[in-house]
N, C-alpha and C. Protein backbone atom coordinates (compact mmCIF):
# COMPACT_ATOMS: atom_id res chain seq x y z
N MET A 1 -2.60 -39.57 36.46
CA MET A 1 -3.34 -38.46 36.91
C MET A 1 -4.27 -37.92 35.76
N ARG A 2 -5.49 -37.75 36.12
CA ARG A 2 -6.43 -37.40 35.03
C ARG A 2 -6.52 -35.80 34.96
N HIS A 3 -6.59 -35.32 33.80
CA HIS A 3 -6.60 -33.88 33.61
C HIS A 3 -8.05 -33.40 33.52
N ARG A 4 -8.45 -32.41 34.32
CA ARG A 4 -9.83 -31.91 34.33
C ARG A 4 -9.91 -30.68 33.47
N PRO A 5 -10.94 -30.57 32.64
CA PRO A 5 -11.15 -29.46 31.81
C PRO A 5 -11.46 -28.14 32.70
N PRO A 6 -11.02 -27.02 32.18
CA PRO A 6 -11.24 -25.76 32.98
C PRO A 6 -12.75 -25.45 33.08
N GLY A 7 -13.18 -24.79 34.12
CA GLY A 7 -14.57 -24.39 34.36
C GLY A 7 -15.14 -25.02 35.56
N LEU A 8 -16.38 -24.82 35.78
CA LEU A 8 -17.12 -25.37 36.96
C LEU A 8 -17.98 -26.57 36.55
N SER A 9 -18.07 -27.48 37.54
CA SER A 9 -18.94 -28.65 37.22
C SER A 9 -20.39 -28.21 37.44
N LEU A 10 -21.33 -29.11 37.00
CA LEU A 10 -22.75 -28.82 37.19
C LEU A 10 -23.10 -28.77 38.64
N VAL A 11 -22.50 -29.61 39.49
CA VAL A 11 -22.78 -29.67 40.86
C VAL A 11 -22.38 -28.37 41.56
N GLU A 12 -21.22 -27.81 41.20
CA GLU A 12 -20.75 -26.53 41.77
C GLU A 12 -21.68 -25.40 41.41
N VAL A 13 -22.14 -25.37 40.19
CA VAL A 13 -23.10 -24.31 39.71
C VAL A 13 -24.41 -24.44 40.45
N LEU A 14 -24.90 -25.64 40.65
CA LEU A 14 -26.15 -25.81 41.39
C LEU A 14 -26.09 -25.39 42.82
N VAL A 15 -24.98 -25.74 43.41
CA VAL A 15 -24.70 -25.34 44.82
C VAL A 15 -24.62 -23.79 44.92
N SER A 16 -23.95 -23.17 43.99
CA SER A 16 -23.86 -21.70 43.95
C SER A 16 -25.25 -21.09 43.84
N PHE A 17 -26.06 -21.63 42.90
CA PHE A 17 -27.41 -21.10 42.74
C PHE A 17 -28.26 -21.28 43.95
N GLY A 18 -28.06 -22.39 44.63
CA GLY A 18 -28.78 -22.63 45.91
C GLY A 18 -28.47 -21.66 46.97
N VAL A 19 -27.14 -21.44 47.16
CA VAL A 19 -26.71 -20.40 48.16
C VAL A 19 -27.22 -19.04 47.82
N LEU A 20 -27.20 -18.70 46.56
CA LEU A 20 -27.69 -17.33 46.08
C LEU A 20 -29.20 -17.28 46.32
N ALA A 21 -29.92 -18.34 46.04
CA ALA A 21 -31.41 -18.32 46.25
C ALA A 21 -31.76 -18.11 47.73
N VAL A 22 -31.01 -18.77 48.59
CA VAL A 22 -31.29 -18.63 50.06
C VAL A 22 -30.95 -17.19 50.48
N ALA A 23 -29.91 -16.61 49.96
CA ALA A 23 -29.57 -15.24 50.30
C ALA A 23 -30.63 -14.22 49.87
N ILE A 24 -31.10 -14.47 48.65
CA ILE A 24 -32.09 -13.54 48.09
C ILE A 24 -33.39 -13.66 48.82
N LEU A 25 -33.78 -14.86 49.14
CA LEU A 25 -35.03 -15.08 49.91
C LEU A 25 -34.95 -14.45 51.33
N GLY A 26 -33.76 -14.50 51.87
CA GLY A 26 -33.53 -13.86 53.19
C GLY A 26 -33.66 -12.40 53.09
N LEU A 27 -33.12 -11.78 52.06
CA LEU A 27 -33.25 -10.28 51.88
C LEU A 27 -34.66 -9.92 51.53
N LEU A 28 -35.41 -10.73 50.79
CA LEU A 28 -36.82 -10.40 50.48
C LEU A 28 -37.64 -10.42 51.69
N GLY A 29 -37.33 -11.28 52.64
CA GLY A 29 -38.05 -11.36 53.88
C GLY A 29 -37.98 -10.07 54.67
N CYS A 30 -36.86 -9.39 54.55
CA CYS A 30 -36.68 -8.12 55.23
C CYS A 30 -37.46 -6.93 54.67
N MET A 31 -37.89 -7.01 53.44
CA MET A 31 -38.52 -5.90 52.77
C MET A 31 -39.82 -5.43 53.42
N PRO A 32 -40.71 -6.25 53.83
CA PRO A 32 -41.93 -5.77 54.48
C PRO A 32 -41.61 -4.97 55.79
N ALA A 33 -40.68 -5.52 56.56
CA ALA A 33 -40.27 -4.81 57.76
C ALA A 33 -39.62 -3.43 57.48
N ALA A 34 -38.82 -3.41 56.51
CA ALA A 34 -38.16 -2.14 56.06
C ALA A 34 -39.19 -1.16 55.62
N ALA A 35 -40.21 -1.58 54.91
CA ALA A 35 -41.30 -0.72 54.46
C ALA A 35 -42.08 -0.13 55.56
N ARG A 36 -42.38 -0.99 56.60
CA ARG A 36 -43.07 -0.48 57.81
C ARG A 36 -42.25 0.54 58.52
N VAL A 37 -40.98 0.27 58.73
CA VAL A 37 -40.07 1.22 59.42
C VAL A 37 -40.06 2.58 58.60
N GLN A 38 -39.97 2.48 57.33
CA GLN A 38 -39.94 3.69 56.57
C GLN A 38 -41.18 4.53 56.63
N LYS A 39 -42.36 3.80 56.70
CA LYS A 39 -43.62 4.54 56.85
C LYS A 39 -43.76 5.14 58.18
N VAL A 40 -43.36 4.50 59.21
CA VAL A 40 -43.41 5.09 60.55
C VAL A 40 -42.46 6.34 60.64
N SER A 41 -41.31 6.20 59.99
CA SER A 41 -40.35 7.24 59.98
C SER A 41 -40.89 8.47 59.25
N THR A 42 -41.57 8.26 58.15
CA THR A 42 -42.11 9.35 57.34
C THR A 42 -43.28 10.00 58.17
N MET A 43 -44.11 9.23 58.81
CA MET A 43 -45.23 9.83 59.63
C MET A 43 -44.68 10.59 60.80
N SER A 44 -43.61 10.01 61.41
CA SER A 44 -43.01 10.68 62.56
C SER A 44 -42.42 12.06 62.13
N SER A 45 -41.73 12.11 60.93
CA SER A 45 -41.26 13.35 60.44
C SER A 45 -42.34 14.35 60.15
N GLN A 46 -43.44 13.91 59.56
CA GLN A 46 -44.58 14.81 59.30
C GLN A 46 -45.20 15.28 60.63
N ALA A 47 -45.39 14.43 61.59
CA ALA A 47 -45.90 14.80 62.90
C ALA A 47 -45.02 15.83 63.61
N LEU A 48 -43.74 15.65 63.57
CA LEU A 48 -42.83 16.60 64.18
C LEU A 48 -42.86 17.96 63.47
N TYR A 49 -42.94 17.91 62.12
CA TYR A 49 -43.09 19.19 61.34
C TYR A 49 -44.39 19.93 61.73
N GLN A 50 -45.50 19.18 61.79
CA GLN A 50 -46.77 19.81 62.19
C GLN A 50 -46.78 20.37 63.58
N ALA A 51 -46.10 19.66 64.52
CA ALA A 51 -45.96 20.07 65.91
C ALA A 51 -45.16 21.40 65.97
N GLU A 52 -44.06 21.42 65.22
CA GLU A 52 -43.13 22.60 65.14
C GLU A 52 -43.92 23.78 64.61
N GLN A 53 -44.70 23.54 63.59
CA GLN A 53 -45.48 24.65 62.91
C GLN A 53 -46.46 25.23 63.91
N LYS A 54 -47.22 24.41 64.62
CA LYS A 54 -48.22 24.86 65.53
C LYS A 54 -47.53 25.52 66.74
N LEU A 55 -46.47 24.98 67.27
CA LEU A 55 -45.80 25.66 68.39
C LEU A 55 -45.24 27.00 67.94
N ASP A 56 -44.68 27.07 66.77
CA ASP A 56 -44.17 28.35 66.28
C ASP A 56 -45.32 29.42 66.17
N ASP A 57 -46.49 28.94 65.59
CA ASP A 57 -47.62 29.88 65.52
C ASP A 57 -48.05 30.40 66.96
N LEU A 58 -48.13 29.40 67.91
CA LEU A 58 -48.57 29.80 69.22
C LEU A 58 -47.62 30.79 69.86
N LEU A 59 -46.35 30.53 69.70
CA LEU A 59 -45.34 31.43 70.34
C LEU A 59 -45.36 32.75 69.68
N HIS A 60 -45.61 32.88 68.42
CA HIS A 60 -45.64 34.16 67.74
C HIS A 60 -46.94 34.92 68.09
N GLN A 61 -48.03 34.26 68.47
CA GLN A 61 -49.28 34.96 68.86
C GLN A 61 -49.03 35.63 70.18
N ASN A 62 -48.12 35.05 70.98
CA ASN A 62 -47.75 35.65 72.29
C ASN A 62 -48.94 35.95 73.19
N GLN A 63 -49.82 34.94 73.30
CA GLN A 63 -51.00 35.05 74.19
C GLN A 63 -51.09 33.84 75.05
N ARG A 64 -51.67 34.09 76.18
CA ARG A 64 -51.90 32.90 77.14
C ARG A 64 -52.83 31.92 76.47
N LEU A 65 -52.59 30.65 76.70
CA LEU A 65 -53.41 29.64 76.16
C LEU A 65 -54.35 29.01 77.21
N SER A 66 -55.45 28.53 76.85
CA SER A 66 -56.36 27.89 77.73
C SER A 66 -55.78 26.58 78.17
N GLY A 67 -56.18 26.17 79.41
CA GLY A 67 -55.73 24.87 79.90
C GLY A 67 -56.49 23.73 79.22
N VAL A 68 -57.57 24.06 78.53
CA VAL A 68 -58.30 23.04 77.83
C VAL A 68 -57.72 22.83 76.41
N ALA A 69 -57.42 21.61 76.12
CA ALA A 69 -56.78 21.26 74.85
C ALA A 69 -57.72 21.60 73.69
N GLN A 70 -57.03 22.20 72.65
CA GLN A 70 -57.74 22.48 71.42
C GLN A 70 -57.20 21.42 70.42
N VAL A 71 -58.02 21.13 69.41
CA VAL A 71 -57.67 20.01 68.49
C VAL A 71 -57.90 20.46 67.05
N ASP A 72 -57.02 20.06 66.18
CA ASP A 72 -57.27 20.19 64.78
C ASP A 72 -56.63 18.98 64.03
N TYR A 73 -56.94 18.91 62.79
CA TYR A 73 -56.40 17.87 61.95
C TYR A 73 -55.71 18.52 60.74
N PRO A 74 -54.38 18.60 60.71
CA PRO A 74 -53.68 19.37 59.68
C PRO A 74 -53.90 18.85 58.28
N TYR A 75 -54.20 17.57 58.11
CA TYR A 75 -54.42 16.98 56.80
C TYR A 75 -55.89 16.61 56.64
N SER A 76 -56.39 16.73 55.47
CA SER A 76 -57.78 16.53 55.22
C SER A 76 -58.19 15.03 55.48
N ASP A 77 -57.29 14.06 55.42
CA ASP A 77 -57.65 12.69 55.65
C ASP A 77 -57.56 12.32 57.14
N ALA A 78 -57.34 13.33 57.99
CA ALA A 78 -57.32 13.12 59.46
C ALA A 78 -56.26 12.07 59.89
N SER A 79 -55.23 11.96 59.15
CA SER A 79 -54.17 10.90 59.48
C SER A 79 -53.38 11.37 60.74
N LEU A 80 -53.27 12.67 60.91
CA LEU A 80 -52.65 13.23 62.15
C LEU A 80 -53.60 14.08 62.96
N ARG A 81 -53.59 13.88 64.18
CA ARG A 81 -54.37 14.77 65.14
C ARG A 81 -53.42 15.58 65.96
N ARG A 82 -53.66 16.85 65.96
CA ARG A 82 -52.84 17.77 66.63
C ARG A 82 -53.56 18.47 67.82
N ARG A 83 -53.05 18.42 69.01
CA ARG A 83 -53.69 19.03 70.25
C ARG A 83 -52.63 20.01 70.83
N TRP A 84 -53.11 21.05 71.39
CA TRP A 84 -52.21 22.01 72.07
C TRP A 84 -53.04 22.62 73.23
N TRP A 85 -52.25 23.01 74.27
CA TRP A 85 -52.70 23.61 75.45
C TRP A 85 -51.62 24.30 76.26
N GLY A 86 -52.05 25.12 77.15
CA GLY A 86 -51.13 25.83 78.07
C GLY A 86 -51.32 25.42 79.53
N GLU A 87 -50.28 25.47 80.27
CA GLU A 87 -50.32 25.10 81.72
C GLU A 87 -49.55 26.20 82.50
N SER A 88 -50.13 26.55 83.64
CA SER A 88 -49.35 27.46 84.53
C SER A 88 -48.16 26.77 85.08
N VAL A 89 -47.14 27.62 85.41
CA VAL A 89 -45.92 27.15 85.97
C VAL A 89 -45.88 27.57 87.45
N ASP A 90 -45.88 26.67 88.39
CA ASP A 90 -45.91 26.97 89.83
C ASP A 90 -44.74 27.92 90.16
N GLY A 91 -45.08 28.99 90.88
CA GLY A 91 -44.13 29.93 91.32
C GLY A 91 -43.71 30.96 90.26
N HIS A 92 -44.27 30.91 89.10
CA HIS A 92 -43.98 31.86 88.04
C HIS A 92 -45.25 32.20 87.36
N PRO A 93 -45.94 33.28 87.89
CA PRO A 93 -47.27 33.65 87.38
C PRO A 93 -47.30 34.07 85.93
N ASN A 94 -46.16 34.62 85.44
CA ASN A 94 -46.16 35.13 84.06
C ASN A 94 -45.66 34.08 83.05
N LEU A 95 -45.24 32.96 83.61
CA LEU A 95 -44.71 31.93 82.69
C LEU A 95 -45.75 30.83 82.40
N GLN A 96 -45.77 30.40 81.12
CA GLN A 96 -46.77 29.36 80.78
C GLN A 96 -46.06 28.24 80.03
N LEU A 97 -46.33 27.05 80.38
CA LEU A 97 -45.84 25.90 79.56
C LEU A 97 -46.79 25.60 78.50
N VAL A 98 -46.30 25.68 77.20
CA VAL A 98 -47.10 25.36 76.02
C VAL A 98 -46.78 24.02 75.51
N GLN A 99 -47.70 23.16 75.26
CA GLN A 99 -47.47 21.82 74.73
C GLN A 99 -48.31 21.58 73.51
N VAL A 100 -47.59 20.92 72.53
CA VAL A 100 -48.27 20.53 71.29
C VAL A 100 -48.03 19.05 71.12
N GLU A 101 -49.06 18.31 70.88
CA GLU A 101 -49.03 16.85 70.79
C GLU A 101 -49.58 16.42 69.49
N VAL A 102 -48.91 15.68 68.74
CA VAL A 102 -49.41 15.13 67.45
C VAL A 102 -49.46 13.58 67.55
N THR A 103 -50.65 13.03 67.26
CA THR A 103 -50.76 11.59 67.31
C THR A 103 -51.26 11.06 65.97
N TRP A 104 -50.84 9.83 65.71
CA TRP A 104 -51.32 9.10 64.52
C TRP A 104 -51.29 7.63 64.79
N VAL A 105 -52.06 6.89 64.01
CA VAL A 105 -52.17 5.43 64.20
C VAL A 105 -51.53 4.72 62.99
N GLU A 106 -50.69 3.82 63.27
CA GLU A 106 -50.02 3.01 62.26
C GLU A 106 -50.40 1.55 62.47
N GLY A 107 -51.28 1.01 61.70
CA GLY A 107 -51.73 -0.37 61.98
C GLY A 107 -52.62 -0.34 63.21
N VAL A 108 -52.24 -1.06 64.25
CA VAL A 108 -52.97 -0.98 65.51
C VAL A 108 -52.24 -0.19 66.62
N ARG A 109 -51.10 0.29 66.29
CA ARG A 109 -50.31 1.03 67.25
C ARG A 109 -50.48 2.56 67.13
N SER A 110 -50.66 3.18 68.24
CA SER A 110 -50.77 4.65 68.25
C SER A 110 -49.41 5.27 68.48
N HIS A 111 -49.02 6.29 67.74
CA HIS A 111 -47.72 6.93 67.89
C HIS A 111 -47.97 8.40 68.35
N GLN A 112 -46.99 9.00 68.92
CA GLN A 112 -47.14 10.42 69.42
C GLN A 112 -45.81 11.12 69.39
N SER A 113 -45.89 12.45 69.06
CA SER A 113 -44.79 13.37 69.14
C SER A 113 -45.27 14.52 70.00
N VAL A 114 -44.50 14.90 70.93
CA VAL A 114 -44.89 16.03 71.84
C VAL A 114 -43.74 17.05 71.85
N LEU A 115 -44.12 18.33 71.72
CA LEU A 115 -43.14 19.45 71.85
C LEU A 115 -43.59 20.31 73.00
N ARG A 116 -42.67 20.81 73.78
CA ARG A 116 -42.97 21.75 74.89
C ARG A 116 -42.13 22.93 74.77
N SER A 117 -42.65 24.05 75.17
CA SER A 117 -41.85 25.28 75.24
C SER A 117 -42.49 26.18 76.30
N TYR A 118 -41.76 27.15 76.74
CA TYR A 118 -42.26 28.13 77.64
C TYR A 118 -42.57 29.46 77.02
N LEU A 119 -43.61 30.14 77.46
CA LEU A 119 -44.11 31.35 76.92
C LEU A 119 -44.30 32.36 78.03
N ILE A 120 -43.84 33.63 77.77
CA ILE A 120 -44.12 34.65 78.71
C ILE A 120 -44.88 35.73 77.87
N PRO A 121 -46.26 35.59 78.02
CA PRO A 121 -47.15 36.49 77.24
C PRO A 121 -47.09 37.98 77.74
């Protein structure tokens, strides 16, 4: 019986490096997708924050809103578009549905966050 010296053979080391390389390449392939998801998540959070801010302002003004949508761009680069309007509620003449919609474009896809609340002016 032949005695083998301790340690790994060259073939075992090469196979290990091959397996490691395949694993690393697989993980690197996920990075662009993860970056896209992170950007959409960031923009979604910013849109929701801007919608909350506008809705809060409108509710504190405590005035009836026009049914015609008003528009502004909260950031100077126009990356987010914010629209808001009021709608009458059938059967409740003093109640108004207030809606704030924030939209943005990511690549070729359009995204949207909408908040709704009721107002009794």
